[in-house]
Each structure stands twice: as structure tokens, then as C-alpha cells.
Amino acid sequence: MSDLLRKEWLDLKRDKKILLASILVPLFLLPLIGVVIYASFISQPPVVGIVNNESYNLPYVNALRDYVQTHGGIVYVNNFSIVPDVEVIFPPDFAKNITSINEVAYVREIVLISSQSTAQELVNNGLYSILYNTSLHRIETLENRSGVSVNPSVVRDPLQIQLGYIKPSKQPTSGSVDRLGQLARVISLILFPASTPVIFFLTDGILGEKERKTLESLLASPISPYNFILAKLLISISLGAISSLGDLIGLAIFSIFSPIIVGGSTNLTVSFALSVMIAYLLMVLLTASISLILLILIGGSQRNVQIINFLITGFGMLASFSALILNFASLGGLSFILLIPYVQIIAGLLDGVFGITNMMLTLYVGTFTASLVLIFISSKILNPERLLLK
């Protein structure tokens, strides 16, 4: 066994490009995603164009302009040759209607398709500010006319919302935990693609022996099928773990940009970082075990390797996107979905964020156990002739 592992390591050392790429590619890929997201906000701020058709509208035009600019937008008034994300048109009778207690004022919004949604949001918030101040002024006018003392802000806003958050366990929590859950869903989209290099490491480790005409002699040697499989798995998982160093460092850098993604501070914790690391390593282990048993079952041709890659990628992407649409804390009749490979890892990661620690541990331990069972079964059903001929 030790001789076989030494041979695998020597083969690996000869191809330093694989080692280097497995570390550097994820190290740059995940921070690059964060930089692209950040750059998109910096280099492409929301652009608003305002068309004013009456000088009396200027106080309201200026109020909207100031609001958008103070919230990071760019505003052009009347003279602009570019196509803004949102164009706001103040008609000639806007000031007359907005100052009248019994009239409704209108503005027209023209939204550029496929533009930044934040531009329209900024405009609507700015117009709401104008609406709010106008309604207070109208209430004050009515107060003066009626002689009845009122508080305009209370009349204007008779209902206040006190926002709170709870975990699925009904324990109170904070908005930062909610944002951490959103970040966990984003991370779930990244985790599986980051673990897929192990498919290449494992299949290439076995097919490489076949191409070098050494697989037959290895299988015919006193080495047991279990030791042969274990050696290949250990090397592949080791490479996956080396690759994970780059992934985890990249993920840490990526998390710096999380406030931009989820809209506020997320209060990253050590327990969350540890849960992400365990989830990633479990994905590497599960990917290796599934790749191995599929390789043994259907054979080791290049075409079959493509089929294996397609099947595993399909399950992984299903799990990644399920994190965006499913509430794992209350699956009900959909609990069977946890039997799909990788879904239980994503569910465990989210359960940890939501405080369902027992369920997280159950899913993590279950995944680890299932991976070991697949490896054991692979060693028992290994057919050297099938592996050589297929």
C-alpha cells in the first residue's frame, strides 16, 4: 500500500502544472467574482435623466436629483445625449397640481430594458420622499383651515412596522443572520463547481495507468482491489484538499464583497466558516466516491468519463440551485429531495446558519457515511477485466 502511494505521489510530482493550477485557479476565480460584482457597481452606477417642462417644477426636480446623487446615482437634467437607465419627465402642470390640496400630480417614468434595477428603485424612493413631504404639507393646510390640532406625521403614517426575525426553531434572531443565510445560498452556488476537479484527478489517475499500459500489471499484482482504490482515492482527495486551500482563501476574499451582494453586514462567524469548510470537503469526498463507483460500473473509456462528469455535474447543479428556491427547514412532503447527492450538504450548511445544528450534523455525518459505503462497495465490485476492456 505504501509503495503504491509513493508511486502515485511521484507521478503527481512530475506534473507540477496540475498541482499549481489546482491551487491558483480557485485562488483567483472566487475573488474575481467578487471584484466583478464590485466593479459593476462602481463602473456602472445607476444613471437617471430628468426632463423638466416648467421652471416652477425646479424645487421638486432638485429634490429628486439630490436624492439620487446622494445615493450613488448620476443625474442629468434636460440636456443629455446618453440613454439613461430611467428617464423621469415632469409635465408643465406638475408644480400647480402638487401644490394644490385637491389635485393629483403626475410624472412619467421611462425605464431602459435590461437596465440596472437600482436606478428605478432610487427614482421611486426619491419620488416617495416628495410625496411624503407634500402630504405633510397638505395635512398642515387642512389643520389650519379646520382649527383642529393634529400631528401631520401621525396622520400621514398611522401604522408603523417593527421588523423582527426568527429562526425555524422560533428563536428570535437578527437581520445579520438573515443576510448570512442569503450569503450561504450564494456560497452554495460556488461550492460544487469548486469541488469538481476531483473528478478529473480520480478518472485521470486510473485512465492514466491504462494509457501507460501499467493498469493491467497493477491489477495483476498482489495489491488488493481495496488498496488500489484507496490509493487512487487518497491521492485524488489530497489534490482536492490542496485545491480547496485556494477555494477557501478565495471564498474568504469573496466574502469581503458580501455586503454588496446581500445588502448589509453579515457578521461572519468562525462556526459558519468551519461549516463551509466541512461542506466543501464533504463535496470533495462525495464527488470522489460517486466518480469511483460510476467508473467501475460503466467502465473507464473517455466517453464514459464524459458521462460520469455529466451525471455528477447535473446532481451538483441541482443541489446548488435548490439552495435558491427551497426552504430546507420546512420541506414537508419534499423531504425526499435530501436523498439526492449534494442536496443534503447544501441543506446542512443552511441548517447550520438557521440554528438547526442537530439536523446539520445528521446530514453531514450521513453524507460522510454514504461516501464511505460507496467506496467500500466499489472495492467489492471492482472487476479488473471490465475496467481494462471498457
Protein backbone atom coordinates (compact mmCIF):
# COMPACT_ATOMS: atom_id res chain seq x y z
CA MET A 1 0.00 0.00 0.00
CA SER A 2 2.75 2.46 0.97
CA ASP A 3 4.68 1.66 -2.23
CA LEU A 4 1.60 2.35 -4.32
CA LEU A 5 1.01 5.67 -2.59
CA ARG A 6 4.68 6.59 -3.13
CA LYS A 7 4.32 5.77 -6.83
CA GLU A 8 1.18 7.94 -7.08
CA TRP A 9 2.95 10.82 -5.39
CA LEU A 10 5.98 10.56 -7.70
CA ASP A 11 3.68 10.55 -10.74
CA LEU A 12 1.99 13.64 -9.39
CA LYS A 13 5.26 15.47 -8.71
CA ARG A 14 6.27 15.00 -12.33
CA ASP A 15 3.28 17.06 -13.43
CA LYS A 16 3.68 20.21 -11.36
CA LYS A 17 1.25 22.09 -13.60
CA ILE A 18 -1.68 20.15 -12.12
CA LEU A 19 -0.62 20.98 -8.57
CA LEU A 20 -0.06 24.63 -9.41
CA ALA A 21 -3.31 25.00 -11.33
CA SER A 22 -5.37 23.26 -8.64
CA ILE A 23 -4.27 25.92 -6.15
CA LEU A 24 -4.01 29.08 -8.26
CA VAL A 25 -7.17 28.73 -10.36
CA PRO A 26 -9.66 28.77 -7.45
CA LEU A 27 -7.48 31.24 -5.56
CA PHE A 28 -8.09 33.80 -8.31
CA LEU A 29 -11.52 32.67 -9.54
CA LEU A 30 -13.63 33.39 -6.45
CA PRO A 31 -12.06 36.80 -5.66
CA LEU A 32 -12.52 37.61 -9.35
CA ILE A 33 -16.27 37.03 -8.99
CA GLY A 34 -16.36 39.45 -6.06
CA VAL A 35 -14.27 42.03 -7.92
CA VAL A 36 -16.54 41.82 -10.98
CA ILE A 37 -19.62 42.37 -8.81
CA TYR A 38 -17.95 45.30 -7.04
CA ALA A 39 -16.66 46.78 -10.29
CA SER A 40 -20.12 46.57 -11.84
CA PHE A 41 -21.43 48.83 -9.07
CA ILE A 42 -18.50 51.23 -9.28
CA SER A 43 -18.07 51.48 -13.06
CA GLN A 44 -21.77 51.33 -13.89
CA PRO A 45 -23.63 53.47 -11.36
CA PRO A 46 -27.36 53.98 -11.95
CA VAL A 47 -28.00 56.82 -14.41
CA VAL A 48 -31.16 58.93 -14.22
CA GLY A 49 -32.26 61.53 -16.76
CA ILE A 50 -34.77 64.20 -15.73
CA VAL A 51 -36.80 66.19 -18.26
CA ASN A 52 -38.33 69.32 -16.74
CA ASN A 53 -41.00 71.12 -18.77
CA GLU A 54 -41.68 74.01 -16.40
CA SER A 55 -39.42 76.25 -14.30
CA TYR A 56 -41.87 76.11 -11.37
CA ASN A 57 -41.06 72.40 -11.09
CA LEU A 58 -37.43 73.12 -10.16
CA PRO A 59 -37.76 72.61 -6.37
CA TYR A 60 -39.11 69.09 -6.97
CA VAL A 61 -36.65 68.35 -9.76
CA ASN A 62 -33.79 69.41 -7.50
CA ALA A 63 -35.13 67.31 -4.62
CA LEU A 64 -35.21 64.21 -6.82
CA ARG A 65 -31.78 64.99 -8.27
CA ASP A 66 -30.22 65.45 -4.82
CA TYR A 67 -31.73 62.22 -3.51
CA VAL A 68 -30.43 60.12 -6.41
CA GLN A 69 -26.97 61.72 -6.28
CA THR A 70 -26.59 61.25 -2.52
CA HIS A 71 -27.39 57.55 -3.00
CA GLY A 72 -24.69 56.95 -5.60
CA GLY A 73 -26.56 57.69 -8.83
CA ILE A 74 -25.70 60.02 -11.71
CA VAL A 75 -28.33 62.55 -12.76
CA TYR A 76 -28.68 64.55 -15.99
CA VAL A 77 -31.29 67.30 -16.22
CA ASN A 78 -32.81 68.21 -19.61
CA ASN A 79 -29.64 68.17 -21.70
CA PHE A 80 -28.33 64.62 -22.09
CA SER A 81 -27.40 62.61 -25.16
CA ILE A 82 -27.00 59.24 -23.44
CA VAL A 83 -29.81 56.78 -22.81
CA PRO A 84 -30.31 56.75 -19.00
CA ASP A 85 -31.42 53.72 -17.02
CA VAL A 86 -34.53 55.67 -16.04
CA GLU A 87 -35.91 58.85 -17.55
CA VAL A 88 -38.28 60.95 -15.42
CA ILE A 89 -40.49 63.53 -17.13
CA PHE A 90 -42.04 66.36 -15.09
CA PRO A 91 -45.02 67.79 -17.08
CA PRO A 92 -45.77 71.56 -17.22
CA ASP A 93 -48.63 71.35 -14.70
CA PHE A 94 -46.71 69.30 -12.10
CA ALA A 95 -45.96 72.19 -9.70
CA LYS A 96 -49.52 73.51 -9.99
CA ASN A 97 -51.08 70.14 -9.17
CA ILE A 98 -48.62 69.16 -6.43
CA THR A 99 -49.23 72.41 -4.52
CA SER A 100 -53.00 72.15 -4.82
CA ILE A 101 -54.71 70.36 -1.95
CA ASN A 102 -57.28 68.78 -4.23
CA GLU A 103 -55.24 67.74 -7.28
CA VAL A 104 -53.05 64.78 -8.25
CA ALA A 105 -49.66 65.43 -9.83
CA TYR A 106 -48.19 63.02 -12.37
CA VAL A 107 -44.68 62.22 -13.54
CA ARG A 108 -43.74 59.81 -16.29
CA GLU A 109 -41.04 57.16 -15.87
CA ILE A 110 -39.39 55.55 -18.88
CA VAL A 111 -37.23 52.55 -17.96
CA LEU A 112 -34.48 51.23 -20.19
CA ILE A 113 -34.97 47.48 -20.63
CA SER A 114 -32.19 45.33 -19.13
CA SER A 115 -31.01 48.34 -17.15
CA GLN A 116 -29.96 48.39 -13.52
CA SER A 117 -32.93 47.80 -11.26
CA THR A 118 -31.34 50.08 -8.64
CA ALA A 119 -31.91 53.12 -10.86
CA GLN A 120 -35.69 52.71 -10.83
CA GLU A 121 -35.59 51.97 -7.12
CA LEU A 122 -33.66 55.19 -6.47
CA VAL A 123 -36.12 57.21 -8.55
CA ASN A 124 -39.16 55.71 -6.82
CA ASN A 125 -37.66 56.33 -3.39
CA GLY A 126 -36.86 59.92 -4.33
CA LEU A 127 -40.39 60.48 -5.62
CA TYR A 128 -41.79 58.91 -2.46
CA SER A 129 -39.83 61.44 -0.43
CA ILE A 130 -41.51 64.21 -2.42
CA LEU A 131 -44.89 62.52 -1.93
CA TYR A 132 -44.32 62.23 1.81
CA ASN A 133 -43.36 65.87 2.29
CA THR A 134 -46.24 67.03 0.10
CA SER A 135 -48.77 65.01 2.07
CA LEU A 136 -47.48 66.52 5.34
CA HIS A 137 -47.87 69.98 3.88
CA ARG A 138 -51.44 69.21 2.82
CA ILE A 139 -52.30 67.91 6.29
CA GLU A 140 -50.92 71.11 7.84
CA THR A 141 -53.06 73.15 5.43
CA LEU A 142 -56.18 71.23 6.45
CA GLU A 143 -55.25 71.70 10.12
CA ASN A 144 -55.05 75.47 9.67
CA ARG A 145 -58.38 75.54 7.88
CA SER A 146 -60.23 73.38 10.41
CA GLY A 147 -58.64 74.75 13.55
CA VAL A 148 -58.23 71.20 14.86
CA SER A 149 -54.75 70.50 16.27
CA VAL A 150 -53.21 67.39 14.69
CA ASN A 151 -49.78 65.84 14.29
CA PRO A 152 -49.23 65.68 10.48
CA SER A 153 -46.72 62.82 10.67
CA VAL A 154 -49.09 60.71 12.79
CA VAL A 155 -52.00 61.38 10.43
CA ARG A 156 -49.78 60.61 7.46
CA ASP A 157 -48.35 57.41 8.94
CA PRO A 158 -50.88 55.82 11.31
CA LEU A 159 -49.16 52.42 11.01
CA GLN A 160 -45.57 51.58 11.91
CA ILE A 161 -43.86 48.23 11.30
CA GLN A 162 -41.48 46.79 13.87
CA LEU A 163 -39.42 44.29 11.91
CA GLY A 164 -38.08 41.19 13.63
CA TYR A 165 -36.55 37.87 12.61
CA ILE A 166 -36.92 34.34 13.93
CA LYS A 167 -35.16 31.06 13.21
CA PRO A 168 -37.12 27.99 12.06
CA SER A 169 -36.83 26.88 15.71
CA LYS A 170 -38.89 30.03 16.58
CA GLN A 171 -35.96 31.58 18.44
CA PRO A 172 -35.51 35.33 17.84
CA THR A 173 -32.54 36.37 15.74
CA SER A 174 -31.23 39.40 13.86
CA GLY A 175 -31.21 40.75 10.35
CA SER A 176 -27.49 39.99 10.06
CA VAL A 177 -28.28 36.27 10.45
CA ASP A 178 -30.87 36.58 7.69
CA ARG A 179 -28.22 38.16 5.45
CA LEU A 180 -25.79 35.40 6.46
CA GLY A 181 -28.38 32.90 5.20
CA GLN A 182 -28.55 34.77 1.91
CA LEU A 183 -24.76 34.67 1.67
CA ALA A 184 -24.85 30.91 2.40
CA ARG A 185 -27.19 30.46 -0.57
CA VAL A 186 -24.76 32.37 -2.79
CA ILE A 187 -21.86 30.25 -1.49
CA SER A 188 -23.89 27.12 -2.26
CA LEU A 189 -23.74 28.05 -5.95
CA ILE A 190 -19.94 28.15 -5.74
CA LEU A 191 -19.17 25.12 -3.58
CA PHE A 192 -19.97 22.34 -6.04
CA PRO A 193 -18.10 23.76 -9.07
CA ALA A 194 -15.10 24.26 -6.79
CA SER A 195 -15.09 20.55 -5.89
CA THR A 196 -15.34 19.14 -9.42
CA PRO A 197 -11.55 18.92 -10.12
CA VAL A 198 -11.54 15.70 -8.07
CA ILE A 199 -13.47 14.04 -10.93
CA PHE A 200 -10.53 14.70 -13.23
CA PHE A 201 -7.95 13.71 -10.63
CA LEU A 202 -9.60 10.34 -9.98
CA THR A 203 -10.54 9.36 -13.55
CA ASP A 204 -7.20 10.54 -14.91
CA GLY A 205 -5.38 8.65 -12.16
CA ILE A 206 -6.98 5.39 -13.27
CA LEU A 207 -7.16 6.01 -17.02
CA GLY A 208 -3.61 7.34 -16.95
CA GLU A 209 -2.48 3.90 -15.78
CA LYS A 210 -4.50 2.37 -18.62
CA GLU A 211 -2.94 4.67 -21.23
CA ARG A 212 0.56 3.95 -19.90
CA LYS A 213 -0.18 0.20 -20.09
CA THR A 214 0.51 -0.16 -16.36
CA LEU A 215 -3.05 -0.73 -15.17
CA GLU A 216 -3.03 -4.42 -16.14
CA SER A 217 0.17 -5.14 -14.24
CA LEU A 218 -1.08 -3.23 -11.20
CA LEU A 219 -4.35 -5.14 -11.12
CA ALA A 220 -2.49 -8.42 -11.60
CA SER A 221 -0.10 -7.68 -8.73
CA PRO A 222 -0.69 -8.80 -5.12
CA ILE A 223 -2.21 -5.40 -4.42
CA SER A 224 -5.81 -5.91 -3.36
CA PRO A 225 -8.62 -4.05 -5.16
CA TYR A 226 -9.33 -2.25 -1.91
CA ASN A 227 -5.76 -0.93 -1.64
CA PHE A 228 -5.73 0.00 -5.32
CA ILE A 229 -8.94 2.00 -4.96
CA LEU A 230 -7.91 3.53 -1.64
CA ALA A 231 -4.57 4.71 -3.03
CA LYS A 232 -6.24 6.38 -6.02
CA LEU A 233 -8.86 7.94 -3.76
CA LEU A 234 -6.37 9.26 -1.24
CA ILE A 235 -4.29 10.94 -3.94
CA SER A 236 -7.38 12.39 -5.64
CA ILE A 237 -8.87 13.65 -2.39
CA SER A 238 -5.48 15.07 -1.37
CA LEU A 239 -5.38 17.03 -4.61
CA GLY A 240 -8.95 18.14 -3.97
CA ALA A 241 -7.91 19.27 -0.49
CA ILE A 242 -4.94 21.16 -1.94
CA SER A 243 -7.30 22.75 -4.41
CA SER A 244 -9.63 23.60 -1.52
CA LEU A 245 -6.93 25.78 0.03
CA GLY A 246 -7.22 28.11 -2.92
CA ASP A 247 -11.00 27.84 -2.85
CA LEU A 248 -11.27 28.65 0.85
CA ILE A 249 -8.86 31.58 0.63
CA GLY A 250 -10.74 32.81 -2.42
CA LEU A 251 -14.02 32.35 -0.57
CA ALA A 252 -12.71 34.42 2.33
CA ILE A 253 -11.79 37.22 -0.06
CA PHE A 254 -15.12 36.81 -1.84
CA SER A 255 -16.93 37.30 1.49
CA ILE A 256 -15.43 40.80 1.72
CA PHE A 257 -17.81 41.78 -1.06
CA SER A 258 -20.80 40.10 0.61
CA PRO A 259 -22.34 43.38 1.86
CA ILE A 260 -22.74 44.41 -1.78
CA ILE A 261 -24.37 41.09 -2.63
CA VAL A 262 -26.78 40.76 0.31
CA GLY A 263 -27.24 44.44 1.12
CA GLY A 264 -25.71 44.79 4.58
CA SER A 265 -23.34 43.42 7.20
CA THR A 266 -23.44 39.64 7.59
CA ASN A 267 -21.37 39.18 10.79
CA LEU A 268 -19.36 36.20 9.54
CA THR A 269 -18.60 33.79 12.38
CA VAL A 270 -15.96 31.12 12.98
CA SER A 271 -18.68 28.45 13.18
CA PHE A 272 -20.02 29.49 9.78
CA ALA A 273 -16.54 29.42 8.23
CA LEU A 274 -15.96 25.96 9.75
CA SER A 275 -19.31 24.74 8.40
CA VAL A 276 -18.40 25.97 4.91
CA MET A 277 -15.04 24.16 5.08
CA ILE A 278 -16.68 20.91 6.18
CA ALA A 279 -19.33 21.23 3.46
CA TYR A 280 -16.63 21.74 0.84
CA LEU A 281 -14.54 18.78 2.00
CA LEU A 282 -17.66 16.59 2.08
CA MET A 283 -18.38 17.61 -1.50
CA VAL A 284 -14.85 16.58 -2.49
CA LEU A 285 -15.25 13.21 -0.74
CA LEU A 286 -18.73 12.55 -2.15
CA THR A 287 -17.63 13.55 -5.65
CA ALA A 288 -14.67 11.15 -5.45
CA SER A 289 -16.80 8.26 -4.18
CA ILE A 290 -19.53 8.75 -6.82
CA SER A 291 -16.94 9.13 -9.59
CA LEU A 292 -15.25 5.92 -8.47
CA ILE A 293 -18.34 3.70 -8.34
CA LEU A 294 -19.61 5.04 -11.69
CA LEU A 295 -16.20 4.44 -13.25
CA ILE A 296 -16.24 0.84 -12.03
CA LEU A 297 -19.86 0.24 -13.06
CA ILE A 298 -19.77 1.66 -16.58
CA GLY A 299 -16.08 1.31 -17.41
CA GLY A 300 -13.15 3.60 -17.99
CA SER A 301 -13.32 4.84 -21.57
CA GLN A 302 -13.05 8.53 -22.34
CA ARG A 303 -16.69 8.58 -23.45
CA ASN A 304 -17.76 7.04 -20.16
CA VAL A 305 -15.73 9.64 -18.27
CA GLN A 306 -17.75 12.34 -20.04
CA ILE A 307 -20.96 10.58 -18.98
CA ILE A 308 -19.71 10.42 -15.39
CA ASN A 309 -18.84 14.11 -15.45
CA PHE A 310 -22.26 14.95 -16.89
CA LEU A 311 -24.14 12.93 -14.26
CA ILE A 312 -22.21 14.31 -11.30
CA THR A 313 -22.38 17.87 -12.61
CA GLY A 314 -26.14 17.51 -13.08
CA PHE A 315 -26.65 16.43 -9.47
CA GLY A 316 -24.31 19.15 -8.22
CA MET A 317 -26.00 21.96 -10.13
CA LEU A 318 -29.41 20.71 -8.99
CA ALA A 319 -28.22 20.93 -5.40
CA SER A 320 -26.69 24.38 -5.92
CA PHE A 321 -29.83 25.88 -7.41
CA SER A 322 -32.10 24.16 -4.89
CA ALA A 323 -30.46 26.39 -2.29
CA LEU A 324 -32.01 29.41 -4.02
CA ILE A 325 -35.59 28.13 -4.20
CA LEU A 326 -36.11 25.73 -1.28
CA ASN A 327 -36.64 26.33 2.41
CA PHE A 328 -34.88 23.29 3.85
CA ALA A 329 -36.24 23.98 7.32
CA SER A 330 -39.80 23.10 6.22
CA LEU A 331 -39.62 20.68 3.30
CA GLY A 332 -42.62 18.63 4.39
CA GLY A 333 -43.55 16.29 1.54
CA LEU A 334 -40.39 17.29 -0.33
CA SER A 335 -38.10 15.68 2.27
CA PHE A 336 -37.16 13.02 -0.28
CA ILE A 337 -35.06 15.64 -2.06
CA LEU A 338 -32.46 15.23 0.69
CA LEU A 339 -31.65 11.82 -0.83
CA ILE A 340 -30.30 13.50 -3.99
CA PRO A 341 -26.49 13.69 -3.90
CA TYR A 342 -25.11 17.04 -2.70
CA VAL A 343 -28.53 18.42 -1.71
CA GLN A 344 -28.02 17.20 1.86
CA ILE A 345 -24.69 19.07 2.07
CA ILE A 346 -26.28 22.33 0.96
CA ALA A 347 -29.21 21.72 3.34
CA GLY A 348 -26.77 21.08 6.20
CA LEU A 349 -24.93 24.33 5.51
CA LEU A 350 -28.17 26.33 5.58
CA ASP A 351 -29.48 24.46 8.63
CA GLY A 352 -26.32 25.46 10.49
CA VAL A 353 -26.95 29.13 9.68
CA PHE A 354 -30.58 28.85 10.81
CA GLY A 355 -29.60 27.26 14.12
CA ILE A 356 -30.79 23.70 13.37
CA THR A 357 -27.48 22.21 14.49
CA ASN A 358 -28.74 18.67 15.06
CA MET A 359 -30.08 18.43 11.52
CA MET A 360 -26.86 19.87 10.12
CA LEU A 361 -24.77 17.25 11.95
CA THR A 362 -27.14 14.48 10.84
CA LEU A 363 -26.84 15.50 7.19
CA TYR A 364 -23.07 15.94 7.35
CA VAL A 365 -22.49 12.61 9.12
CA GLY A 366 -24.95 10.90 6.77
CA THR A 367 -23.08 12.22 3.72
CA PHE A 368 -19.74 11.12 5.16
CA THR A 369 -21.10 7.64 5.93
CA ALA A 370 -22.70 7.29 2.49
CA SER A 371 -19.39 8.23 0.84
CA LEU A 372 -17.53 5.56 2.80
CA VAL A 373 -20.18 2.97 1.91
CA LEU A 374 -19.81 3.81 -1.80
CA ILE A 375 -16.03 3.41 -1.54
CA PHE A 376 -16.42 0.04 0.22
CA ILE A 377 -18.91 -1.18 -2.40
CA SER A 378 -16.56 -0.06 -5.18
CA SER A 379 -13.75 -2.16 -3.75
CA LYS A 380 -16.03 -5.19 -3.59
CA ILE A 381 -17.45 -4.96 -7.11
CA LEU A 382 -14.21 -4.00 -8.86
CA ASN A 383 -13.83 -6.19 -11.93
CA PRO A 384 -10.30 -5.76 -13.36
CA GLU A 385 -11.26 -7.16 -16.75
CA ARG A 386 -14.23 -4.80 -17.08
CA LEU A 387 -12.08 -1.84 -16.12
CA LEU A 388 -9.45 -2.83 -18.66
CA LEU A 389 -11.77 -3.56 -21.55
CA LYS A 390 -14.42 -0.86 -21.20
